[in-house]
PDB file of N, CA and C in Angstrom:
ATOM      1  N   MET A   1      57.817  -6.215 -30.416  1.00  0.00           N
ATOM      2  CA  MET A   1      56.821  -6.325 -29.601  1.00  0.00           C
ATOM      3  C   MET A   1      57.012  -6.181 -27.933  1.00  0.00           C
ATOM      4  N   LYS A   2      56.236  -5.949 -27.435  1.00  0.00           N
ATOM      5  CA  LYS A   2      56.816  -5.378 -26.006  1.00  0.00           C
ATOM      6  C   LYS A   2      55.978  -6.415 -24.843  1.00  0.00           C
ATOM      7  N   ARG A   3      56.824  -6.802 -24.063  1.00  0.00           N
ATOM      8  CA  ARG A   3      56.228  -8.193 -23.037  1.00  0.00           C
ATOM      9  C   ARG A   3      55.585  -7.233 -22.256  1.00  0.00           C
ATOM     10  N   PHE A   4      54.741  -7.446 -21.467  1.00  0.00           N
ATOM     11  CA  PHE A   4      53.828  -7.487 -20.518  1.00  0.00           C
ATOM     12  C   PHE A   4      54.375  -8.380 -18.969  1.00  0.00           C
ATOM     13  N   ASP A   5      54.458  -8.453 -18.260  1.00  0.00           N
ATOM     14  CA  ASP A   5      55.380  -9.054 -17.401  1.00  0.00           C
ATOM     15  C   ASP A   5      53.881  -8.598 -15.840  1.00  0.00           C
ATOM     16  N   THR A   6      53.511  -7.671 -15.895  1.00  0.00           N
ATOM     17  CA  THR A   6      52.295  -7.799 -14.332  1.00  0.00           C
ATOM     18  C   THR A   6      51.127  -7.019 -15.178  1.00  0.00           C
ATOM     19  N   ILE A   7      50.157  -7.414 -14.471  1.00  0.00           N
ATOM     20  CA  ILE A   7      48.390  -6.892 -14.931  1.00  0.00           C
ATOM     21  C   ILE A   7      48.446  -5.449 -14.111  1.00  0.00           C
ATOM     22  N   ASN A   8      47.868  -4.617 -14.849  1.00  0.00           N
ATOM     23  CA  ASN A   8      47.195  -3.519 -14.330  1.00  0.00           C
ATOM     24  C   ASN A   8      46.356  -3.683 -13.692  1.00  0.00           C
ATOM     25  N   VAL A   9      46.146  -3.879 -12.150  1.00  0.00           N
ATOM     26  CA  VAL A   9      44.760  -4.003 -11.531  1.00  0.00           C
ATOM     27  C   VAL A   9      44.221  -2.771 -11.380  1.00  0.00           C
ATOM     28  N   LEU A  10      45.078  -1.227 -11.518  1.00  0.00           N
ATOM     29  CA  LEU A  10      43.896  -0.071 -10.868  1.00  0.00           C
ATOM     30  C   LEU A  10      42.601   0.433 -11.928  1.00  0.00           C
ATOM     31  N   PRO A  11      42.396  -0.360 -13.109  1.00  0.00           N
ATOM     32  CA  PRO A  11      41.437  -0.151 -13.579  1.00  0.00           C
ATOM     33  C   PRO A  11      40.178  -0.779 -13.041  1.00  0.00           C
ATOM     34  N   PHE A  12      40.493  -2.172 -12.556  1.00  0.00           N
ATOM     35  CA  PHE A  12      39.713  -2.951 -12.394  1.00  0.00           C
ATOM     36  C   PHE A  12      39.298  -2.707 -10.903  1.00  0.00           C
ATOM     37  N   ILE A  13      40.476  -2.452 -10.013  1.00  0.00           N
ATOM     38  CA  ILE A  13      39.808  -1.902  -8.686  1.00  0.00           C
ATOM     39  C   ILE A  13      39.008  -0.384  -8.722  1.00  0.00           C
ATOM     40  N   ASP A  14      39.158   0.588  -9.337  1.00  0.00           N
ATOM     41  CA  ASP A  14      38.056   1.338  -9.708  1.00  0.00           C
ATOM     42  C   ASP A  14      37.020   1.412  -9.674  1.00  0.00           C
ATOM     43  N   ILE A  15      36.950   0.259 -10.949  1.00  0.00           N
ATOM     44  CA  ILE A  15      35.547  -0.143 -11.353  1.00  0.00           C
ATOM     45  C   ILE A  15      34.823  -0.849  -9.828  1.00  0.00           C
ATOM     46  N   MET A  16      35.289  -1.590  -9.298  1.00  0.00           N
ATOM     47  CA  MET A  16      35.127  -2.249  -8.145  1.00  0.00           C
ATOM     48  C   MET A  16      34.766  -1.217  -6.780  1.00  0.00           C
ATOM     49  N   LEU A  17      35.108  -0.084  -6.981  1.00  0.00           N
ATOM     50  CA  LEU A  17      34.343   0.750  -5.977  1.00  0.00           C
ATOM     51  C   LEU A  17      33.782   1.613  -6.740  1.00  0.00           C
ATOM     52  N   VAL A  18      33.287   1.904  -7.620  1.00  0.00           N
ATOM     53  CA  VAL A  18      32.473   2.665  -8.201  1.00  0.00           C
ATOM     54  C   VAL A  18      30.604   1.555  -8.367  1.00  0.00           C
ATOM     55  N   LEU A  19      31.209   0.648  -8.260  1.00  0.00           N
ATOM     56  CA  LEU A  19      30.118  -0.393  -8.186  1.00  0.00           C
ATOM     57  C   LEU A  19      29.344  -0.809  -6.576  1.00  0.00           C
ATOM     58  N   LEU A  20      30.544  -0.782  -5.699  1.00  0.00           N
ATOM     59  CA  LEU A  20      30.053  -0.915  -4.408  1.00  0.00           C
ATOM     60  C   LEU A  20      29.805   0.677  -3.663  1.00  0.00           C
ATOM     61  N   ALA A  21      30.235   1.812  -4.102  1.00  0.00           N
ATOM     62  CA  ALA A  21      29.668   3.580  -3.844  1.00  0.00           C
ATOM     63  C   ALA A  21      28.331   2.733  -4.419  1.00  0.00           C
ATOM     64  N   ILE A  22      27.535   2.363  -5.580  1.00  0.00           N
ATOM     65  CA  ILE A  22      25.988   2.505  -6.228  1.00  0.00           C
ATOM     66  C   ILE A  22      25.300   1.515  -5.143  1.00  0.00           C
ATOM     67  N   VAL A  23      26.374   0.607  -4.673  1.00  0.00           N
ATOM     68  CA  VAL A  23      25.067  -0.451  -4.084  1.00  0.00           C
ATOM     69  C   VAL A  23      24.821   0.175  -2.388  1.00  0.00           C
ATOM     70  N   LEU A  24      26.220   0.249  -1.713  1.00  0.00           N
ATOM     71  CA  LEU A  24      25.530   1.209  -0.543  1.00  0.00           C
ATOM     72  C   LEU A  24      24.812   2.231  -0.569  1.00  0.00           C
ATOM     73  N   THR A  25      25.108   3.477  -1.983  1.00  0.00           N
ATOM     74  CA  THR A  25      24.137   4.304  -1.552  1.00  0.00           C
ATOM     75  C   THR A  25      22.645   3.627  -2.490  1.00  0.00           C
ATOM     76  N   THR A  26      22.246   2.467  -3.207  1.00  0.00           N
ATOM     77  CA  THR A  26      20.842   2.435  -3.126  1.00  0.00           C
ATOM     78  C   THR A  26      19.945   1.297  -1.804  1.00  0.00           C
ATOM     79  N   ALA A  27      21.220   0.713  -1.200  1.00  0.00           N
ATOM     80  CA  ALA A  27      20.815  -0.194  -0.262  1.00  0.00           C
ATOM     81  C   ALA A  27      20.182   1.313   0.785  1.00  0.00           C
ATOM     82  N   THR A  28      20.311   1.597   1.117  1.00  0.00           N
ATOM     83  CA  THR A  28      19.970   2.583   2.086  1.00  0.00           C
ATOM     84  C   THR A  28      18.656   2.896   1.936  1.00  0.00           C
ATOM     85  N   PHE A  29      18.083   3.358   0.792  1.00  0.00           N
ATOM     86  CA  PHE A  29      17.051   3.680   0.218  1.00  0.00           C
ATOM     87  C   PHE A  29      16.031   2.316   0.104  1.00  0.00           C
ATOM     88  N   ILE A  30      16.473   0.952   0.368  1.00  0.00           N
ATOM     89  CA  ILE A  30      15.406  -0.131   0.476  1.00  0.00           C
ATOM     90  C   ILE A  30      15.311  -0.591   1.514  1.00  0.00           C
ATOM     91  N   ALA A  31      13.999  -0.073   2.531  1.00  0.00           N
ATOM     92  CA  ALA A  31      14.327  -0.784   3.580  1.00  0.00           C
ATOM     93  C   ALA A  31      12.500  -1.135   3.746  1.00  0.00           C
ATOM     94  N   GLN A  32      12.386  -2.053   4.271  1.00  0.00           N
ATOM     95  CA  GLN A  32      11.160  -2.473   4.548  1.00  0.00           C
ATOM     96  C   GLN A  32      10.688  -2.767   6.276  1.00  0.00           C
ATOM     97  N   GLY A  33       9.367  -2.113   5.816  1.00  0.00           N
ATOM     98  CA  GLY A  33       8.390  -1.864   7.476  1.00  0.00           C
ATOM     99  C   GLY A  33       9.452  -0.379   7.820  1.00  0.00           C
ATOM    100  N   ASP A  34       9.334   1.373   7.024  1.00  0.00           N
ATOM    101  CA  ASP A  34      10.394   2.003   8.063  1.00  0.00           C
ATOM    102  C   ASP A  34       9.150   2.923   8.734  1.00  0.00           C
ATOM    103  N   LEU A  35       8.478   2.359   8.573  1.00  0.00           N
ATOM    104  CA  LEU A  35       6.866   3.180   9.060  1.00  0.00           C
ATOM    105  C   LEU A  35       7.197   3.255  11.102  1.00  0.00           C
ATOM    106  N   PRO A  36       7.080   4.290  11.567  1.00  0.00           N
ATOM    107  CA  PRO A  36       7.109   4.647  13.122  1.00  0.00           C
ATOM    108  C   PRO A  36       6.252   3.634  14.135  1.00  0.00           C
ATOM    109  N   ILE A  37       6.288   2.841  14.045  1.00  0.00           N
ATOM    110  CA  ILE A  37       5.146   1.996  15.138  1.00  0.00           C
ATOM    111  C   ILE A  37       5.675   0.794  15.298  1.00  0.00           C
ATOM    112  N   GLN A  38       5.276   0.794  16.322  1.00  0.00           N
ATOM    113  CA  GLN A  38       5.539  -0.557  17.308  1.00  0.00           C
ATOM    114  C   GLN A  38       4.318  -1.321  17.508  1.00  0.00           C
ATOM    115  N   LEU A  39       4.394  -2.399  17.245  1.00  0.00           N
ATOM    116  CA  LEU A  39       3.314  -3.448  17.284  1.00  0.00           C
ATOM    117  C   LEU A  39       3.255  -3.825  18.587  1.00  0.00           C
ATOM    118  N   PRO A  40       2.101  -4.264  18.873  1.00  0.00           N
ATOM    119  CA  PRO A  40       1.424  -4.940  20.234  1.00  0.00           C
ATOM    120  C   PRO A  40       2.131  -6.378  20.087  1.00  0.00           C
ATOM    121  N   THR A  41       2.153  -6.944  21.086  1.00  0.00           N
ATOM    122  CA  THR A  41       2.697  -8.353  21.171  1.00  0.00           C
ATOM    123  C   THR A  41       1.426  -9.222  21.558  1.00  0.00           C
ATOM    124  N   ALA A  42       1.119 -10.556  20.529  1.00  0.00           N
ATOM    125  CA  ALA A  42      -0.056 -11.186  20.824  1.00  0.00           C
ATOM    126  C   ALA A  42       0.893 -13.105  21.133  1.00  0.00           C
ATOM    127  N   ASN A  43       0.219 -13.878  21.976  1.00  0.00           N
ATOM    128  CA  ASN A  43       0.843 -14.736  22.654  1.00  0.00           C
ATOM    129  C   ASN A  43       0.309 -16.036  21.690  1.00  0.00           C
ATOM    130  N   HIS A  44      -1.088 -15.744  21.308  1.00  0.00           N
ATOM    131  CA  HIS A  44      -1.913 -17.065  20.861  1.00  0.00           C
ATOM    132  C   HIS A  44      -2.013 -16.490  18.776  1.00  0.00           C
ATOM    133  N   ALA A  45      -1.426 -15.642  18.339  1.00  0.00           N
ATOM    134  CA  ALA A  45      -1.652 -15.174  16.844  1.00  0.00           C
ATOM    135  C   ALA A  45      -1.668 -16.573  16.267  1.00  0.00           C
ATOM    136  N   THR A  46      -2.010 -16.660  14.895  1.00  0.00           N
ATOM    137  CA  THR A  46      -1.734 -17.265  13.591  1.00  0.00           C
ATOM    138  C   THR A  46      -0.804 -16.483  12.592  1.00  0.00           C
ATOM    139  N   PRO A  47       0.320 -17.538  11.632  1.00  0.00           N
ATOM    140  CA  PRO A  47       0.497 -16.351  11.030  1.00  0.00           C
ATOM    141  C   PRO A  47       0.084 -16.218   9.724  1.00  0.00           C
ATOM    142  N   ALA A  48       0.001 -14.969   9.343  1.00  0.00           N
ATOM    143  CA  ALA A  48      -0.984 -14.894   8.072  1.00  0.00           C
ATOM    144  C   ALA A  48      -0.762 -15.093   6.501  1.00  0.00           C
ATOM    145  N   ASN A  49      -1.103 -15.680   5.457  1.00  0.00           N
ATOM    146  CA  ASN A  49      -0.700 -16.070   4.541  1.00  0.00           C
ATOM    147  C   ASN A  49       0.295 -14.958   4.038  1.00  0.00           C
ATOM    148  N   ASP A  50       0.405 -15.562   2.742  1.00  0.00           N
ATOM    149  CA  ASP A  50       1.324 -14.524   1.820  1.00  0.00           C
ATOM    150  C   ASP A  50       0.733 -13.998   0.580  1.00  0.00           C
ATOM    151  N   GLN A  51      -0.900 -14.307   1.070  1.00  0.00           N
ATOM    152  CA  GLN A  51      -1.414 -13.659  -0.676  1.00  0.00           C
ATOM    153  C   GLN A  51      -1.346 -12.058  -0.047  1.00  0.00           C
ATOM    154  N   PRO A  52      -1.620 -10.981  -1.481  1.00  0.00           N
ATOM    155  CA  PRO A  52      -1.599  -9.520  -1.485  1.00  0.00           C
ATOM    156  C   PRO A  52      -2.746  -9.251  -0.791  1.00  0.00           C
ATOM    157  N   ALA A  53      -2.603  -8.407  -0.232  1.00  0.00           N
ATOM    158  CA  ALA A  53      -3.455  -7.457   0.683  1.00  0.00           C
ATOM    159  C   ALA A  53      -3.436  -5.718   0.835  1.00  0.00           C
ATOM    160  N   LEU A  54      -4.302  -5.521   0.935  1.00  0.00           N
ATOM    161  CA  LEU A  54      -4.770  -3.447   1.012  1.00  0.00           C
ATOM    162  C   LEU A  54      -4.061  -3.259   2.227  1.00  0.00           C
ATOM    163  N   ARG A  55      -2.741  -2.863   2.758  1.00  0.00           N
ATOM    164  CA  ARG A  55      -2.282  -2.692   3.413  1.00  0.00           C
ATOM    165  C   ARG A  55      -2.501  -1.096   4.429  1.00  0.00           C
ATOM    166  N   LEU A  56      -3.416  -1.110   5.969  1.00  0.00           N
ATOM    167  CA  LEU A  56      -3.678  -0.059   6.643  1.00  0.00           C
ATOM    168  C   LEU A  56      -2.771   0.082   7.806  1.00  0.00           C
ATOM    169  N   THR A  57      -2.237   1.131   8.091  1.00  0.00           N
ATOM    170  CA  THR A  57      -1.308   1.276   8.809  1.00  0.00           C
ATOM    171  C   THR A  57      -1.948   3.118  10.286  1.00  0.00           C
ATOM    172  N   ILE A  58      -2.388   2.518  11.333  1.00  0.00           N
ATOM    173  CA  ILE A  58      -2.612   3.863  12.346  1.00  0.00           C
ATOM    174  C   ILE A  58      -1.095   4.322  13.085  1.00  0.00           C
ATOM    175  N   THR A  59      -0.976   5.127  12.947  1.00  0.00           N
ATOM    176  CA  THR A  59       0.732   5.530  13.492  1.00  0.00           C
ATOM    177  C   THR A  59       0.181   5.631  15.343  1.00  0.00           C
ATOM    178  N   ALA A  60       1.183   6.072  15.791  1.00  0.00           N
ATOM    179  CA  ALA A  60       0.779   6.669  17.820  1.00  0.00           C
ATOM    180  C   ALA A  60       0.007   7.966  17.610  1.00  0.00           C
ATOM    181  N   SER A  61       0.534   8.701  16.945  1.00  0.00           N
ATOM    182  CA  SER A  61      -0.260   9.457  16.796  1.00  0.00           C
ATOM    183  C   SER A  61      -1.628   9.680  15.983  1.00  0.00           C
ATOM    184  N   GLY A  62      -2.012   8.837  16.021  1.00  0.00           N
ATOM    185  CA  GLY A  62      -3.418   8.602  14.684  1.00  0.00           C
ATOM    186  C   GLY A  62      -3.233   8.901  13.143  1.00  0.00           C
ATOM    187  N   ALA A  63      -2.218   9.039  12.793  1.00  0.00           N
ATOM    188  CA  ALA A  63      -2.022   9.196  11.340  1.00  0.00           C
ATOM    189  C   ALA A  63      -2.220   7.980  10.566  1.00  0.00           C
ATOM    190  N   LEU A  64      -2.999   8.101   9.605  1.00  0.00           N
ATOM    191  CA  LEU A  64      -3.808   6.619   8.790  1.00  0.00           C
ATOM    192  C   LEU A  64      -3.056   6.489   7.333  1.00  0.00           C
ATOM    193  N   LEU A  65      -2.246   5.540   7.230  1.00  0.00           N
ATOM    194  CA  LEU A  65      -2.011   5.474   6.108  1.00  0.00           C
ATOM    195  C   LEU A  65      -2.532   4.023   5.349  1.00  0.00           C
ATOM    196  N   LEU A  66      -2.543   4.011   3.976  1.00  0.00           N
ATOM    197  CA  LEU A  66      -3.204   3.778   3.485  1.00  0.00           C
ATOM    198  C   LEU A  66      -2.204   2.806   2.095  1.00  0.00           C
ATOM    199  N   ASN A  67      -1.163   2.059   2.296  1.00  0.00           N
ATOM    200  CA  ASN A  67      -0.160   1.321   1.782  1.00  0.00           C
ATOM    201  C   ASN A  67       0.868   2.535   1.669  1.00  0.00           C
ATOM    202  N   ASP A  68       1.186   2.602   3.226  1.00  0.00           N
ATOM    203  CA  ASP A  68       2.848   3.736   3.162  1.00  0.00           C
ATOM    204  C   ASP A  68       1.873   5.045   2.021  1.00  0.00           C
ATOM    205  N   GLU A  69       0.680   5.522   1.857  1.00  0.00           N
ATOM    206  CA  GLU A  69       0.574   6.755   2.106  1.00  0.00           C
ATOM    207  C   GLU A  69      -0.328   7.561   2.956  1.00  0.00           C
ATOM    208  N   THR A  70      -0.416   8.246   3.342  1.00  0.00           N
ATOM    209  CA  THR A  70      -0.940   9.170   4.647  1.00  0.00           C
ATOM    210  C   THR A  70      -2.230   9.356   3.708  1.00  0.00           C
ATOM    211  N   ILE A  71      -3.623   9.301   4.163  1.00  0.00           N
ATOM    212  CA  ILE A  71      -4.888   9.179   3.793  1.00  0.00           C
ATOM    213  C   ILE A  71      -5.581   9.481   5.085  1.00  0.00           C
ATOM    214  N   PRO A  72      -6.402  10.902   4.542  1.00  0.00           N
ATOM    215  CA  PRO A  72      -7.717  11.314   5.776  1.00  0.00           C
ATOM    216  C   PRO A  72      -8.689  10.016   6.166  1.00  0.00           C
ATOM    217  N   LEU A  73      -9.117   9.998   7.629  1.00  0.00           N
ATOM    218  CA  LEU A  73     -10.375   9.046   7.475  1.00  0.00           C
ATOM    219  C   LEU A  73     -11.413   9.057   6.463  1.00  0.00           C
ATOM    220  N   PRO A  74     -12.381  10.546   6.063  1.00  0.00           N
ATOM    221  CA  PRO A  74     -13.030  10.166   5.207  1.00  0.00           C
ATOM    222  C   PRO A  74     -12.578   9.991   3.975  1.00  0.00           C
ATOM    223  N   ALA A  75     -11.478  10.065   3.528  1.00  0.00           N
ATOM    224  CA  ALA A  75     -11.244   9.761   1.943  1.00  0.00           C
ATOM    225  C   ALA A  75     -10.888   7.875   1.990  1.00  0.00           C
ATOM    226  N   LEU A  76     -10.799   7.215   3.045  1.00  0.00           N
ATOM    227  CA  LEU A  76     -10.539   6.593   3.456  1.00  0.00           C
ATOM    228  C   LEU A  76     -11.948   5.446   3.033  1.00  0.00           C
ATOM    229  N   ALA A  77     -13.159   6.444   3.498  1.00  0.00           N
ATOM    230  CA  ALA A  77     -14.253   5.643   3.607  1.00  0.00           C
ATOM    231  C   ALA A  77     -14.591   5.775   2.322  1.00  0.00           C
ATOM    232  N   GLN A  78     -13.977   7.118   1.551  1.00  0.00           N
ATOM    233  CA  GLN A  78     -14.620   7.098  -0.043  1.00  0.00           C
ATOM    234  C   GLN A  78     -13.693   5.836  -0.643  1.00  0.00           C
ATOM    235  N   LYS A  79     -13.085   5.545  -0.540  1.00  0.00           N
ATOM    236  CA  LYS A  79     -11.354   4.622  -1.358  1.00  0.00           C
ATOM    237  C   LYS A  79     -12.243   3.115  -1.095  1.00  0.00           C
ATOM    238  N   ILE A  80     -12.550   3.241   0.230  1.00  0.00           N
ATOM    239  CA  ILE A  80     -13.089   1.304   0.446  1.00  0.00           C
ATOM    240  C   ILE A  80     -14.433   0.756  -0.271  1.00  0.00           C
ATOM    241  N   THR A  81     -15.336   1.826  -1.061  1.00  0.00           N
ATOM    242  CA  THR A  81     -16.415   1.865  -0.984  1.00  0.00           C
ATOM    243  C   THR A  81     -16.289   1.174  -2.432  1.00  0.00           C
ATOM    244  N   THR A  82     -15.396   1.373  -3.053  1.00  0.00           N
ATOM    245  CA  THR A  82     -14.765   0.436  -4.531  1.00  0.00           C
ATOM    246  C   THR A  82     -14.444  -0.620  -4.351  1.00  0.00           C
ATOM    247  N   LEU A  83     -13.926  -1.096  -3.256  1.00  0.00           N
ATOM    248  CA  LEU A  83     -12.907  -2.811  -3.015  1.00  0.00           C
ATOM    249  C   LEU A  83     -14.772  -3.916  -2.573  1.00  0.00           C
ATOM    250  N   PRO A  84     -14.267  -4.840  -3.638  1.00  0.00           N
ATOM    251  CA  PRO A  84     -15.127  -6.141  -2.852  1.00  0.00           C
ATOM    252  C   PRO A  84     -14.840  -6.909  -1.961  1.00  0.00           C
ATOM    253  N   PRO A  85     -16.354  -7.265  -1.335  1.00  0.00           N
ATOM    254  CA  PRO A  85     -15.991  -7.867   0.388  1.00  0.00           C
ATOM    255  C   PRO A  85     -14.588  -8.885   0.595  1.00  0.00           C
ATOM    256  N   SER A  86     -13.933  -9.067  -0.841  1.00  0.00           N
ATOM    257  CA  SER A  86     -13.225 -10.427  -0.639  1.00  0.00           C
ATOM    258  C   SER A  86     -12.174 -10.024  -0.249  1.00  0.00           C
ATOM    259  N   THR A  87     -11.583  -8.535  -0.387  1.00  0.00           N
ATOM    260  CA  THR A  87     -10.418  -7.972  -0.244  1.00  0.00           C
ATOM    261  C   THR A  87      -9.691  -8.138   1.435  1.00  0.00           C
ATOM    262  N   ARG A  88      -8.572  -9.074   1.329  1.00  0.00           N
ATOM    263  CA  ARG A  88      -7.742  -9.007   2.136  1.00  0.00           C
ATOM    264  C   ARG A  88      -7.147  -7.623   2.680  1.00  0.00           C
ATOM    265  N   ILE A  89      -7.572  -7.673   3.578  1.00  0.00           N
ATOM    266  CA  ILE A  89      -6.625  -6.041   4.620  1.00  0.00           C
ATOM    267  C   ILE A  89      -6.005  -6.633   5.458  1.00  0.00           C
ATOM    268  N   VAL A  90      -4.535  -6.207   6.392  1.00  0.00           N
ATOM    269  CA  VAL A  90      -3.995  -6.422   6.989  1.00  0.00           C
ATOM    270  C   VAL A  90      -4.242  -4.969   7.503  1.00  0.00           C
ATOM    271  N   LEU A  91      -3.915  -4.762   8.838  1.00  0.00           N
ATOM    272  CA  LEU A  91      -4.117  -3.555   9.950  1.00  0.00           C
ATOM    273  C   LEU A  91      -2.864  -3.647  10.794  1.00  0.00           C
ATOM    274  N   GLN A  92      -2.081  -2.815  10.760  1.00  0.00           N
ATOM    275  CA  GLN A  92      -0.614  -2.464  11.307  1.00  0.00           C
ATOM    276  C   GLN A  92      -1.121  -1.299  12.607  1.00  0.00           C
ATOM    277  N   VAL A  93      -1.344  -1.636  13.563  1.00  0.00           N
ATOM    278  CA  VAL A  93      -2.069  -0.541  14.587  1.00  0.00           C
ATOM    279  C   VAL A  93      -0.688  -0.241  15.715  1.00  0.00           C
ATOM    280  N   ASP A  94       0.330   0.824  15.723  1.00  0.00           N
ATOM    281  CA  ASP A  94       0.765   1.098  16.698  1.00  0.00           C
ATOM    282  C   ASP A  94       0.324   0.551  18.313  1.00  0.00           C
ATOM    283  N   LYS A  95       1.304   0.054  19.290  1.00  0.00           N
ATOM    284  CA  LYS A  95       0.309  -0.191  20.644  1.00  0.00           C
ATOM    285  C   LYS A  95       0.052   1.020  21.065  1.00  0.00           C
ATOM    286  N   ALA A  96       0.543   2.138  21.166  1.00  0.00           N
ATOM    287  CA  ALA A  96       0.201   3.527  21.399  1.00  0.00           C
ATOM    288  C   ALA A  96      -0.926   4.247  21.289  1.00  0.00           C
ATOM    289  N   THR A  97      -1.415   3.813  20.602  1.00  0.00           N
ATOM    290  CA  THR A  97      -2.726   4.452  19.143  1.00  0.00           C
ATOM    291  C   THR A  97      -3.785   4.577  19.903  1.00  0.00           C
ATOM    292  N   PRO A  98      -4.806   5.823  20.055  1.00  0.00           N
ATOM    293  CA  PRO A  98      -5.403   5.940  20.857  1.00  0.00           C
ATOM    294  C   PRO A  98      -6.885   4.711  20.294  1.00  0.00           C
ATOM    295  N   PHE A  99      -7.606   4.356  21.233  1.00  0.00           N
ATOM    296  CA  PHE A  99      -8.509   3.206  21.082  1.00  0.00           C
ATOM    297  C   PHE A  99      -9.574   3.623  19.971  1.00  0.00           C
ATOM    298  N   GLY A 100      -9.829   4.890  20.376  1.00  0.00           N
ATOM    299  CA  GLY A 100     -10.681   5.581  19.201  1.00  0.00           C
ATOM    300  C   GLY A 100     -10.400   5.580  17.787  1.00  0.00           C
ATOM    301  N   ASP A 101      -9.119   5.666  17.647  1.00  0.00           N
ATOM    302  CA  ASP A 101      -9.064   5.646  16.325  1.00  0.00           C
ATOM    303  C   ASP A 101      -9.093   4.483  15.381  1.00  0.00           C
ATOM    304  N   PHE A 102      -8.913   3.452  16.160  1.00  0.00           N
ATOM    305  CA  PHE A 102      -8.977   1.786  15.697  1.00  0.00           C
ATOM    306  C   PHE A 102     -10.153   1.009  15.535  1.00  0.00           C
ATOM    307  N   VAL A 103     -11.045   1.804  16.399  1.00  0.00           N
ATOM    308  CA  VAL A 103     -12.224   1.438  16.611  1.00  0.00           C
ATOM    309  C   VAL A 103     -13.370   2.138  15.379  1.00  0.00           C
ATOM    310  N   ALA A 104     -12.353   3.851  14.602  1.00  0.00           N
ATOM    311  CA  ALA A 104     -13.242   4.340  13.773  1.00  0.00           C
ATOM    312  C   ALA A 104     -12.660   3.437  12.404  1.00  0.00           C
ATOM    313  N   VAL A 105     -11.446   3.369  12.853  1.00  0.00           N
ATOM    314  CA  VAL A 105     -11.289   1.911  10.934  1.00  0.00           C
ATOM    315  C   VAL A 105     -12.244   1.130  11.256  1.00  0.00           C
ATOM    316  N   ILE A 106     -12.020   0.535  12.070  1.00  0.00           N
ATOM    317  CA  ILE A 106     -13.063  -1.333  12.658  1.00  0.00           C
ATOM    318  C   ILE A 106     -14.444  -0.782  11.381  1.00  0.00           C
ATOM    319  N   ASP A 107     -15.015   0.438  12.762  1.00  0.00           N
ATOM    320  CA  ASP A 107     -16.324   0.473  12.199  1.00  0.00           C
ATOM    321  C   ASP A 107     -16.139   0.890  10.140  1.00  0.00           C
ATOM    322  N   LEU A 108     -15.674   1.618   9.969  1.00  0.00           N
ATOM    323  CA  LEU A 108     -15.542   1.844   8.182  1.00  0.00           C
ATOM    324  C   LEU A 108     -15.059   0.600   7.425  1.00  0.00           C
ATOM    325  N   LEU A 109     -14.636  -0.504   7.863  1.00  0.00           N
ATOM    326  CA  LEU A 109     -14.572  -1.602   7.173  1.00  0.00           C
ATOM    327  C   LEU A 109     -15.842  -2.378   7.514  1.00  0.00           C
ATOM    328  N   LYS A 110     -16.276  -2.612   8.844  1.00  0.00           N
ATOM    329  CA  LYS A 110     -17.248  -3.351   9.090  1.00  0.00           C
ATOM    330  C   LYS A 110     -18.748  -2.660   8.507  1.00  0.00           C
ATOM    331  N   ALA A 111     -19.022  -1.388   8.326  1.00  0.00           N
ATOM    332  CA  ALA A 111     -19.724  -0.981   7.357  1.00  0.00           C
ATOM    333  C   ALA A 111     -19.505  -1.016   5.483  1.00  0.00           C
ATOM    334  N   GLN A 112     -18.305  -1.499   5.481  1.00  0.00           N
ATOM    335  CA  GLN A 112     -18.567  -2.196   3.712  1.00  0.00           C
ATOM    336  C   GLN A 112     -18.362  -3.441   3.551  1.00  0.00           C
ATOM    337  N   SER A 113     -18.550  -4.174   4.708  1.00  0.00           N
ATOM    338  CA  SER A 113     -18.891  -5.639   4.956  1.00  0.00           C
ATOM    339  C   SER A 113     -17.263  -6.080   4.095  1.00  0.00           C
ATOM    340  N   LEU A 114     -16.246  -5.552   4.273  1.00  0.00           N
ATOM    341  CA  LEU A 114     -14.839  -5.686   4.099  1.00  0.00           C
ATOM    342  C   LEU A 114     -14.558  -6.469   5.490  1.00  0.00           C
ATOM    343  N   ASP A 115     -14.712  -8.217   5.482  1.00  0.00           N
ATOM    344  CA  ASP A 115     -14.383  -8.866   6.790  1.00  0.00           C
ATOM    345  C   ASP A 115     -13.291  -9.712   6.694  1.00  0.00           C
ATOM    346  N   GLN A 116     -12.558  -9.276   5.620  1.00  0.00           N
ATOM    347  CA  GLN A 116     -10.889 -10.245   5.514  1.00  0.00           C
ATOM    348  C   GLN A 116      -9.619  -9.461   6.501  1.00  0.00           C
ATOM    349  N   LEU A 117      -9.845  -8.879   7.554  1.00  0.00           N
ATOM    350  CA  LEU A 117      -9.341  -8.695   8.341  1.00  0.00           C
ATOM    351  C   LEU A 117      -8.313  -9.249   8.603  1.00  0.00           C
ATOM    352  N   SER A 118      -6.788  -8.888   8.834  1.00  0.00           N
ATOM    353  CA  SER A 118      -5.971  -9.541   9.703  1.00  0.00           C
ATOM    354  C   SER A 118      -5.400  -8.444  10.896  1.00  0.00           C
ATOM    355  N   ILE A 119      -5.006  -8.314  11.715  1.00  0.00           N
ATOM    356  CA  ILE A 119      -4.464  -7.730  12.641  1.00  0.00           C
ATOM    357  C   ILE A 119      -2.627  -7.717  12.787  1.00  0.00           C
ATOM    358  N   ARG A 120      -1.585  -7.218  12.331  1.00  0.00           N
ATOM    359  CA  ARG A 120      -0.202  -7.811  12.743  1.00  0.00           C
ATOM    360  C   ARG A 120      -0.245  -7.357  13.941  1.00  0.00           C
ATOM    361  N   THR A 121       0.454  -8.363  14.539  1.00  0.00           N
ATOM    362  CA  THR A 121       1.178  -8.029  15.626  1.00  0.00           C
ATOM    363  C   THR A 121       2.596  -9.066  15.639  1.00  0.00           C
ATOM    364  N   LEU A 122       3.382  -8.914  17.144  1.00  0.00           N
ATOM    365  CA  LEU A 122       4.384  -9.253  17.051  1.00  0.00           C
ATOM    366  C   LEU A 122       4.173 -10.543  18.012  1.00  0.00           C
ATOM    367  N   SER A 123       5.428 -11.426  17.706  1.00  0.00           N
ATOM    368  CA  SER A 123       5.452 -12.963  18.395  1.00  0.00           C
ATOM    369  C   SER A 123       5.279 -13.074  20.193  1.00  0.00           C
ATOM    370  N   GLY A 124       4.873 -13.367  20.336  1.00  0.00           N
ATOM    371  CA  GLY A 124       5.169 -12.665  22.303  1.00  0.00           C
ATOM    372  C   GLY A 124       6.223 -14.234  22.430  1.00  0.00           C
ATOM    373  N   SER A 125       6.271 -15.160  21.874  1.00  0.00           N
ATOM    374  CA  SER A 125       6.727 -16.072  22.489  1.00  0.00           C
ATOM    375  C   SER A 125       8.752 -15.919  21.904  1.00  0.00           C
TER     376      SER A 125
END
């Protein structure tokens, strides 16, 4: 019987490098809030609770996104008609967005009596 004086660690190192490559590859696809918007600042905002909500985003160019999917304004109007009035909505608006785009979305929500609305901002302090 042959005696082993050393342990070959090369297979272990190979496995660890493969796992590292997998982690680094998948980590680049996991991003939170990667929409290109700059939120405005508010000094007297209150933190929102963590209940699930419908997320509406208006970019600086006026593009409208519903839960990170681009949607035109008429399609949004059609989609929100089926929502109950108690639906929580979080609105993220880029600070460079034209005010008319913001008002159009608020008007749609108001027409459907969706008044559980939070506007996401950055903390001013």
